């Protein structure tokens, strides 16, 4: 696995300033928890394992019991899980960025995803959820899990998107005004151009307006 990109924290990059749900899929939303991608100095919105826990809860990936189990690890184990989450973020941006650009998926990122599938598989849980015992549900049981288990729901959802999702609908918010965030274009004619009209789309509109006035 190549070294993670250097992520430098900024005063306004935190959970309270993160725009939620832009990606349209959990794996893409997690990839978008880093800002200023095109600056050469990406800045994370998640600064600790506790931030990661809160993000996962707000994305409905874990519930109160899972929160309690995953909060019980040592400080060192939590710090290691957070560092691994940064590497996962870089791998997901590499994989889905390549998909958006119609490029081959990078093998190093695939290998990293595979390693996390193996590390988190122990807490994958299959059960039946109806009286007849015929309807199967696949979820997570984090009782006794180490903090790295928190990455499991993100990793497995990413695998599902890679295997069964419409990768041709994955797009990257484009330059010069776009931020580089990833999103799933679910519009009927695939005409969505920006991660968000509130931010990058508005920036592009303002730039076009100013250019017309100059002209």
C-alpha atoms as a PDB file:
ATOM      1  CA  UNK A   1       0.000   0.000   0.000  1.00  0.00           C
ATOM      2  CA  UNK A   2       1.384   3.358  -0.959  1.00  0.00           C
ATOM      3  CA  UNK A   3       1.679   5.978   1.798  1.00  0.00           C
ATOM      4  CA  UNK A   4      -1.436   8.012   2.472  1.00  0.00           C
ATOM      5  CA  UNK A   5      -1.616  11.508   1.077  1.00  0.00           C
ATOM      6  CA  UNK A   6      -0.702  14.108   3.640  1.00  0.00           C
ATOM      7  CA  UNK A   7      -3.922  15.409   5.152  1.00  0.00           C
ATOM      8  CA  UNK A   8      -3.703  18.756   6.914  1.00  0.00           C
ATOM      9  CA  UNK A   9      -6.494  19.983   9.133  1.00  0.00           C
ATOM     10  CA  UNK A  10      -8.028  23.397   8.631  1.00  0.00           C
ATOM     11  CA  UNK A  11     -10.100  25.406  11.098  1.00  0.00           C
ATOM     12  CA  UNK A  12     -13.315  25.161   9.051  1.00  0.00           C
ATOM     13  CA  UNK A  13     -12.979  21.511   8.017  1.00  0.00           C
ATOM     14  CA  UNK A  14     -15.036  19.576  10.541  1.00  0.00           C
ATOM     15  CA  UNK A  15     -18.314  17.697  10.855  1.00  0.00           C
ATOM     16  CA  UNK A  16     -20.317  20.867  11.396  1.00  0.00           C
ATOM     17  CA  UNK A  17     -19.194  22.313   8.041  1.00  0.00           C
ATOM     18  CA  UNK A  18     -19.420  19.094   6.009  1.00  0.00           C
ATOM     19  CA  UNK A  19     -22.123  19.071   3.332  1.00  0.00           C
ATOM     20  CA  UNK A  20     -23.913  15.741   3.766  1.00  0.00           C
ATOM     21  CA  UNK A  21     -25.233  13.332   1.168  1.00  0.00           C
ATOM     22  CA  UNK A  22     -23.559  14.906  -1.859  1.00  0.00           C
ATOM     23  CA  UNK A  23     -22.191  11.605  -3.142  1.00  0.00           C
ATOM     24  CA  UNK A  24     -25.506   9.776  -3.227  1.00  0.00           C
ATOM     25  CA  UNK A  25     -23.821   6.626  -1.861  1.00  0.00           C
ATOM     26  CA  UNK A  26     -22.112   5.909   1.451  1.00  0.00           C
ATOM     27  CA  UNK A  27     -18.784   4.983  -0.143  1.00  0.00           C
ATOM     28  CA  UNK A  28     -18.705   8.210  -2.161  1.00  0.00           C
ATOM     29  CA  UNK A  29     -19.840  10.263   0.825  1.00  0.00           C
ATOM     30  CA  UNK A  30     -16.936   8.844   2.823  1.00  0.00           C
ATOM     31  CA  UNK A  31     -14.531   9.659  -0.018  1.00  0.00           C
ATOM     32  CA  UNK A  32     -15.906  13.208   0.190  1.00  0.00           C
ATOM     33  CA  UNK A  33     -14.944  13.658   3.844  1.00  0.00           C
ATOM     34  CA  UNK A  34     -11.777  15.345   2.560  1.00  0.00           C
ATOM     35  CA  UNK A  35     -11.838  18.850   1.099  1.00  0.00           C
ATOM     36  CA  UNK A  36      -9.466  21.014  -0.935  1.00  0.00           C
ATOM     37  CA  UNK A  37      -8.516  17.958  -2.986  1.00  0.00           C
ATOM     38  CA  UNK A  38      -7.173  19.931  -5.929  1.00  0.00           C
ATOM     39  CA  UNK A  39      -5.079  22.251  -3.751  1.00  0.00           C
ATOM     40  CA  UNK A  40      -2.338  19.665  -3.278  1.00  0.00           C
ATOM     41  CA  UNK A  41      -2.993  19.785   0.475  1.00  0.00           C
ATOM     42  CA  UNK A  42      -6.231  17.858   1.113  1.00  0.00           C
ATOM     43  CA  UNK A  43      -7.906  18.685   4.406  1.00  0.00           C
ATOM     44  CA  UNK A  44     -10.059  16.182   6.349  1.00  0.00           C
ATOM     45  CA  UNK A  45     -13.420  16.897   7.889  1.00  0.00           C
ATOM     46  CA  UNK A  46     -12.920  13.969  10.300  1.00  0.00           C
ATOM     47  CA  UNK A  47     -10.074  14.535  12.751  1.00  0.00           C
ATOM     48  CA  UNK A  48     -10.379  11.620  15.166  1.00  0.00           C
ATOM     49  CA  UNK A  49     -11.869   8.192  15.742  1.00  0.00           C
ATOM     50  CA  UNK A  50     -14.703   9.883  17.613  1.00  0.00           C
ATOM     51  CA  UNK A  51     -15.476  11.958  14.510  1.00  0.00           C
ATOM     52  CA  UNK A  52     -15.488   8.736  12.490  1.00  0.00           C
ATOM     53  CA  UNK A  53     -17.939   7.159  14.939  1.00  0.00           C
ATOM     54  CA  UNK A  54     -20.262  10.157  14.691  1.00  0.00           C
ATOM     55  CA  UNK A  55     -20.059  10.191  10.891  1.00  0.00           C
ATOM     56  CA  UNK A  56     -20.977   6.496  10.734  1.00  0.00           C
ATOM     57  CA  UNK A  57     -23.904   6.999  13.086  1.00  0.00           C
ATOM     58  CA  UNK A  58     -25.216   9.971  11.108  1.00  0.00           C
ATOM     59  CA  UNK A  59     -24.917   7.904   7.917  1.00  0.00           C
ATOM     60  CA  UNK A  60     -27.018   5.209   9.656  1.00  0.00           C
ATOM     61  CA  UNK A  61     -24.221   2.644   9.428  1.00  0.00           C
ATOM     62  CA  UNK A  62     -24.220   1.893  13.162  1.00  0.00           C
ATOM     63  CA  UNK A  63     -26.748   2.105  15.967  1.00  0.00           C
ATOM     64  CA  UNK A  64     -26.458   2.779  19.711  1.00  0.00           C
ATOM     65  CA  UNK A  65     -25.308  -0.759  20.603  1.00  0.00           C
ATOM     66  CA  UNK A  66     -22.640  -0.771  17.904  1.00  0.00           C
ATOM     67  CA  UNK A  67     -21.518   2.672  19.065  1.00  0.00           C
ATOM     68  CA  UNK A  68     -21.077   1.326  22.578  1.00  0.00           C
ATOM     69  CA  UNK A  69     -19.137  -1.756  21.482  1.00  0.00           C
ATOM     70  CA  UNK A  70     -16.856   0.162  19.105  1.00  0.00           C
ATOM     71  CA  UNK A  71     -16.165   2.858  21.690  1.00  0.00           C
ATOM     72  CA  UNK A  72     -14.695   0.341  24.126  1.00  0.00           C
ATOM     73  CA  UNK A  73     -11.288  -0.134  22.494  1.00  0.00           C
ATOM     74  CA  UNK A  74      -7.982   1.249  23.678  1.00  0.00           C
ATOM     75  CA  UNK A  75      -6.757   4.709  22.750  1.00  0.00           C
ATOM     76  CA  UNK A  76      -4.002   3.140  20.642  1.00  0.00           C
ATOM     77  CA  UNK A  77      -6.441   0.891  18.773  1.00  0.00           C
ATOM     78  CA  UNK A  78      -8.748   3.822  18.051  1.00  0.00           C
ATOM     79  CA  UNK A  79      -5.859   5.924  16.768  1.00  0.00           C
ATOM     80  CA  UNK A  80      -4.764   3.053  14.502  1.00  0.00           C
ATOM     81  CA  UNK A  81      -8.319   2.657  13.180  1.00  0.00           C
ATOM     82  CA  UNK A  82      -8.507   6.372  12.424  1.00  0.00           C
ATOM     83  CA  UNK A  83      -5.194   6.220  10.525  1.00  0.00           C
ATOM     84  CA  UNK A  84      -6.534   3.252   8.573  1.00  0.00           C
ATOM     85  CA  UNK A  85      -9.646   5.268   7.750  1.00  0.00           C
ATOM     86  CA  UNK A  86      -7.465   7.934   6.147  1.00  0.00           C
ATOM     87  CA  UNK A  87      -5.840   5.287   3.965  1.00  0.00           C
ATOM     88  CA  UNK A  88      -9.294   3.937   3.103  1.00  0.00           C
ATOM     89  CA  UNK A  89     -10.390   7.433   2.121  1.00  0.00           C
ATOM     90  CA  UNK A  90      -7.447   7.734  -0.266  1.00  0.00           C
ATOM     91  CA  UNK A  91      -8.152   4.281  -1.735  1.00  0.00           C
ATOM     92  CA  UNK A  92     -11.823   5.039  -2.349  1.00  0.00           C
ATOM     93  CA  UNK A  93     -10.989   8.351  -4.000  1.00  0.00           C
ATOM     94  CA  UNK A  94      -8.463   6.553  -6.212  1.00  0.00           C
ATOM     95  CA  UNK A  95     -10.902   3.789  -7.179  1.00  0.00           C
ATOM     96  CA  UNK A  96     -14.012   5.846  -7.814  1.00  0.00           C
ATOM     97  CA  UNK A  97     -12.021   8.724  -9.287  1.00  0.00           C
ATOM     98  CA  UNK A  98     -10.647   6.268 -11.846  1.00  0.00           C
ATOM     99  CA  UNK A  99     -14.174   4.997 -12.509  1.00  0.00           C
ATOM    100  CA  UNK A 100     -15.389   8.566 -13.061  1.00  0.00           C
ATOM    101  CA  UNK A 101     -12.583   9.157 -15.563  1.00  0.00           C
ATOM    102  CA  UNK A 102     -13.205   5.779 -17.252  1.00  0.00           C
ATOM    103  CA  UNK A 103      -9.724   4.595 -16.337  1.00  0.00           C
ATOM    104  CA  UNK A 104      -8.592   1.157 -15.090  1.00  0.00           C
ATOM    105  CA  UNK A 105      -9.118   0.772 -11.353  1.00  0.00           C
ATOM    106  CA  UNK A 106      -5.756   1.019  -9.537  1.00  0.00           C
ATOM    107  CA  UNK A 107      -4.633  -2.350  -8.207  1.00  0.00           C
ATOM    108  CA  UNK A 108      -2.968  -0.928  -5.077  1.00  0.00           C
ATOM    109  CA  UNK A 109      -6.292   0.552  -3.978  1.00  0.00           C
ATOM    110  CA  UNK A 110      -8.087  -2.721  -4.775  1.00  0.00           C
ATOM    111  CA  UNK A 111      -5.526  -4.629  -2.694  1.00  0.00           C
ATOM    112  CA  UNK A 112      -6.081  -2.268   0.224  1.00  0.00           C
ATOM    113  CA  UNK A 113      -9.849  -2.728  -0.006  1.00  0.00           C
ATOM    114  CA  UNK A 114      -9.370  -6.501  -0.049  1.00  0.00           C
ATOM    115  CA  UNK A 115      -7.223  -6.347   3.078  1.00  0.00           C
ATOM    116  CA  UNK A 116      -9.949  -4.430   4.922  1.00  0.00           C
ATOM    117  CA  UNK A 117     -12.612  -6.903   3.761  1.00  0.00           C
ATOM    118  CA  UNK A 118     -10.568  -9.627   5.443  1.00  0.00           C
ATOM    119  CA  UNK A 119      -9.944  -7.579   8.605  1.00  0.00           C
ATOM    120  CA  UNK A 120     -13.636  -6.766   9.118  1.00  0.00           C
ATOM    121  CA  UNK A 121     -15.288  -9.999   7.932  1.00  0.00           C
ATOM    122  CA  UNK A 122     -15.319 -11.439  11.472  1.00  0.00           C
ATOM    123  CA  UNK A 123     -18.151  -9.073  12.440  1.00  0.00           C
ATOM    124  CA  UNK A 124     -20.278  -9.638   9.342  1.00  0.00           C
ATOM    125  CA  UNK A 125     -23.478 -11.296  10.545  1.00  0.00           C
ATOM    126  CA  UNK A 126     -26.118 -13.235   8.620  1.00  0.00           C
ATOM    127  CA  UNK A 127     -29.516 -13.864  10.209  1.00  0.00           C
ATOM    128  CA  UNK A 128     -33.153 -14.490   9.357  1.00  0.00           C
ATOM    129  CA  UNK A 129     -35.640 -11.737  10.045  1.00  0.00           C
ATOM    130  CA  UNK A 130     -39.074 -13.288   9.585  1.00  0.00           C
ATOM    131  CA  UNK A 131     -41.127 -15.940  11.437  1.00  0.00           C
ATOM    132  CA  UNK A 132     -40.693 -18.502   8.670  1.00  0.00           C
ATOM    133  CA  UNK A 133     -36.901 -18.212   8.895  1.00  0.00           C
ATOM    134  CA  UNK A 134     -36.538 -17.828   5.151  1.00  0.00           C
ATOM    135  CA  UNK A 135     -35.776 -14.142   4.670  1.00  0.00           C
ATOM    136  CA  UNK A 136     -32.053 -13.556   5.185  1.00  0.00           C
ATOM    137  CA  UNK A 137     -30.532 -10.284   6.361  1.00  0.00           C
ATOM    138  CA  UNK A 138     -26.821  -9.519   6.232  1.00  0.00           C
ATOM    139  CA  UNK A 139     -25.596  -6.947   8.737  1.00  0.00           C
ATOM    140  CA  UNK A 140     -23.062  -6.427  11.518  1.00  0.00           C
ATOM    141  CA  UNK A 141     -22.577  -7.629  15.071  1.00  0.00           C
ATOM    142  CA  UNK A 142     -19.854  -5.574  16.734  1.00  0.00           C
ATOM    143  CA  UNK A 143     -19.986  -7.185  20.162  1.00  0.00           C
ATOM    144  CA  UNK A 144     -16.344  -7.752  21.097  1.00  0.00           C
ATOM    145  CA  UNK A 145     -15.116  -5.951  17.976  1.00  0.00           C
ATOM    146  CA  UNK A 146     -11.941  -3.892  17.878  1.00  0.00           C
ATOM    147  CA  UNK A 147     -12.178  -0.273  16.676  1.00  0.00           C
ATOM    148  CA  UNK A 148     -11.138  -1.131  13.123  1.00  0.00           C
ATOM    149  CA  UNK A 149     -14.457  -2.958  12.787  1.00  0.00           C
ATOM    150  CA  UNK A 150     -16.059   0.459  12.320  1.00  0.00           C
ATOM    151  CA  UNK A 151     -14.639   0.544   8.799  1.00  0.00           C
ATOM    152  CA  UNK A 152     -16.513  -2.628   7.856  1.00  0.00           C
ATOM    153  CA  UNK A 153     -19.841  -1.075   6.783  1.00  0.00           C
ATOM    154  CA  UNK A 154     -18.005   1.489   4.639  1.00  0.00           C
ATOM    155  CA  UNK A 155     -15.737  -1.098   3.028  1.00  0.00           C
ATOM    156  CA  UNK A 156     -18.474  -3.589   2.233  1.00  0.00           C
ATOM    157  CA  UNK A 157     -20.768  -0.906   0.787  1.00  0.00           C
ATOM    158  CA  UNK A 158     -17.863   0.215  -1.409  1.00  0.00           C
ATOM    159  CA  UNK A 159     -17.394  -3.364  -2.619  1.00  0.00           C
ATOM    160  CA  UNK A 160     -21.118  -3.621  -3.419  1.00  0.00           C
ATOM    161  CA  UNK A 161     -20.936  -0.438  -5.499  1.00  0.00           C
ATOM    162  CA  UNK A 162     -17.851  -1.671  -7.342  1.00  0.00           C
ATOM    163  CA  UNK A 163     -19.383  -5.075  -8.033  1.00  0.00           C
ATOM    164  CA  UNK A 164     -23.045  -4.325  -8.637  1.00  0.00           C
ATOM    165  CA  UNK A 165     -23.364  -0.540  -8.952  1.00  0.00           C
ATOM    166  CA  UNK A 166     -23.629   1.589 -12.054  1.00  0.00           C
ATOM    167  CA  UNK A 167     -20.041   2.776 -12.130  1.00  0.00           C
ATOM    168  CA  UNK A 168     -20.739   4.598 -15.386  1.00  0.00           C
ATOM    169  CA  UNK A 169     -22.862   6.992 -13.309  1.00  0.00           C
ATOM    170  CA  UNK A 170     -20.008   7.901 -10.953  1.00  0.00           C
ATOM    171  CA  UNK A 171     -18.746  11.404 -11.700  1.00  0.00           C
ATOM    172  CA  UNK A 172     -16.092  13.750 -10.370  1.00  0.00           C
ATOM    173  CA  UNK A 173     -16.889  17.405  -9.770  1.00  0.00           C
ATOM    174  CA  UNK A 174     -14.941  18.953 -12.678  1.00  0.00           C
ATOM    175  CA  UNK A 175     -12.352  21.739 -12.912  1.00  0.00           C
ATOM    176  CA  UNK A 176     -11.910  24.654 -13.010  1.00  0.00           C
ATOM    177  CA  UNK A 177     -14.739  25.406 -10.568  1.00  0.00           C
ATOM    178  CA  UNK A 178     -15.409  21.874  -9.306  1.00  0.00           C
ATOM    179  CA  UNK A 179     -13.911  20.587  -6.073  1.00  0.00           C
ATOM    180  CA  UNK A 180     -13.094  17.043  -7.170  1.00  0.00           C
ATOM    181  CA  UNK A 181     -15.734  15.421  -4.952  1.00  0.00           C
ATOM    182  CA  UNK A 182     -17.371  12.245  -6.264  1.00  0.00           C
ATOM    183  CA  UNK A 183     -21.080  11.661  -6.791  1.00  0.00           C
ATOM    184  CA  UNK A 184     -23.517   9.219  -8.315  1.00  0.00           C
ATOM    185  CA  UNK A 185     -25.432  10.884 -11.142  1.00  0.00           C
ATOM    186  CA  UNK A 186     -28.933   9.435 -10.857  1.00  0.00           C
ATOM    187  CA  UNK A 187     -30.544  11.988 -13.166  1.00  0.00           C
ATOM    188  CA  UNK A 188     -32.567  10.445 -16.001  1.00  0.00           C
ATOM    189  CA  UNK A 189     -30.296  11.725 -18.788  1.00  0.00           C
ATOM    190  CA  UNK A 190     -27.102  11.801 -16.694  1.00  0.00           C
ATOM    191  CA  UNK A 191     -26.925  15.573 -16.963  1.00  0.00           C
ATOM    192  CA  UNK A 192     -25.786  16.417 -13.427  1.00  0.00           C
ATOM    193  CA  UNK A 193     -22.639  18.525 -13.684  1.00  0.00           C
ATOM    194  CA  UNK A 194     -21.680  19.408 -10.110  1.00  0.00           C
ATOM    195  CA  UNK A 195     -21.376  17.785  -6.709  1.00  0.00           C
ATOM    196  CA  UNK A 196     -23.691  20.498  -5.370  1.00  0.00           C
ATOM    197  CA  UNK A 197     -25.391  23.511  -6.923  1.00  0.00           C
ATOM    198  CA  UNK A 198     -25.056  25.317  -3.569  1.00  0.00           C
ATOM    199  CA  UNK A 199     -21.264  25.300  -3.795  1.00  0.00           C
ATOM    200  CA  UNK A 200     -19.438  24.379  -6.996  1.00  0.00           C
ATOM    201  CA  UNK A 201     -22.424  24.899  -9.280  1.00  0.00           C
ATOM    202  CA  UNK A 202     -22.966  28.367  -7.861  1.00  0.00           C
ATOM    203  CA  UNK A 203     -19.252  29.185  -8.212  1.00  0.00           C
ATOM    204  CA  UNK A 204     -19.398  28.247 -11.894  1.00  0.00           C
ATOM    205  CA  UNK A 205     -22.518  30.378 -12.449  1.00  0.00           C
ATOM    206  CA  UNK A 206     -20.852  33.394 -10.810  1.00  0.00           C
ATOM    207  CA  UNK A 207     -17.714  32.954 -12.922  1.00  0.00           C
ATOM    208  CA  UNK A 208     -19.747  32.741 -16.144  1.00  0.00           C
ATOM    209  CA  UNK A 209     -21.711  35.853 -15.135  1.00  0.00           C
ATOM    210  CA  UNK A 210     -18.519  37.811 -14.482  1.00  0.00           C
ATOM    211  CA  UNK A 211     -16.981  36.672 -17.765  1.00  0.00           C
ATOM    212  CA  UNK A 212     -20.063  37.822 -19.687  1.00  0.00           C
ATOM    213  CA  UNK A 213     -19.934  41.223 -17.995  1.00  0.00           C
ATOM    214  CA  UNK A 214     -16.253  41.577 -18.878  1.00  0.00           C
ATOM    215  CA  UNK A 215     -17.085  40.759 -22.454  1.00  0.00           C
END
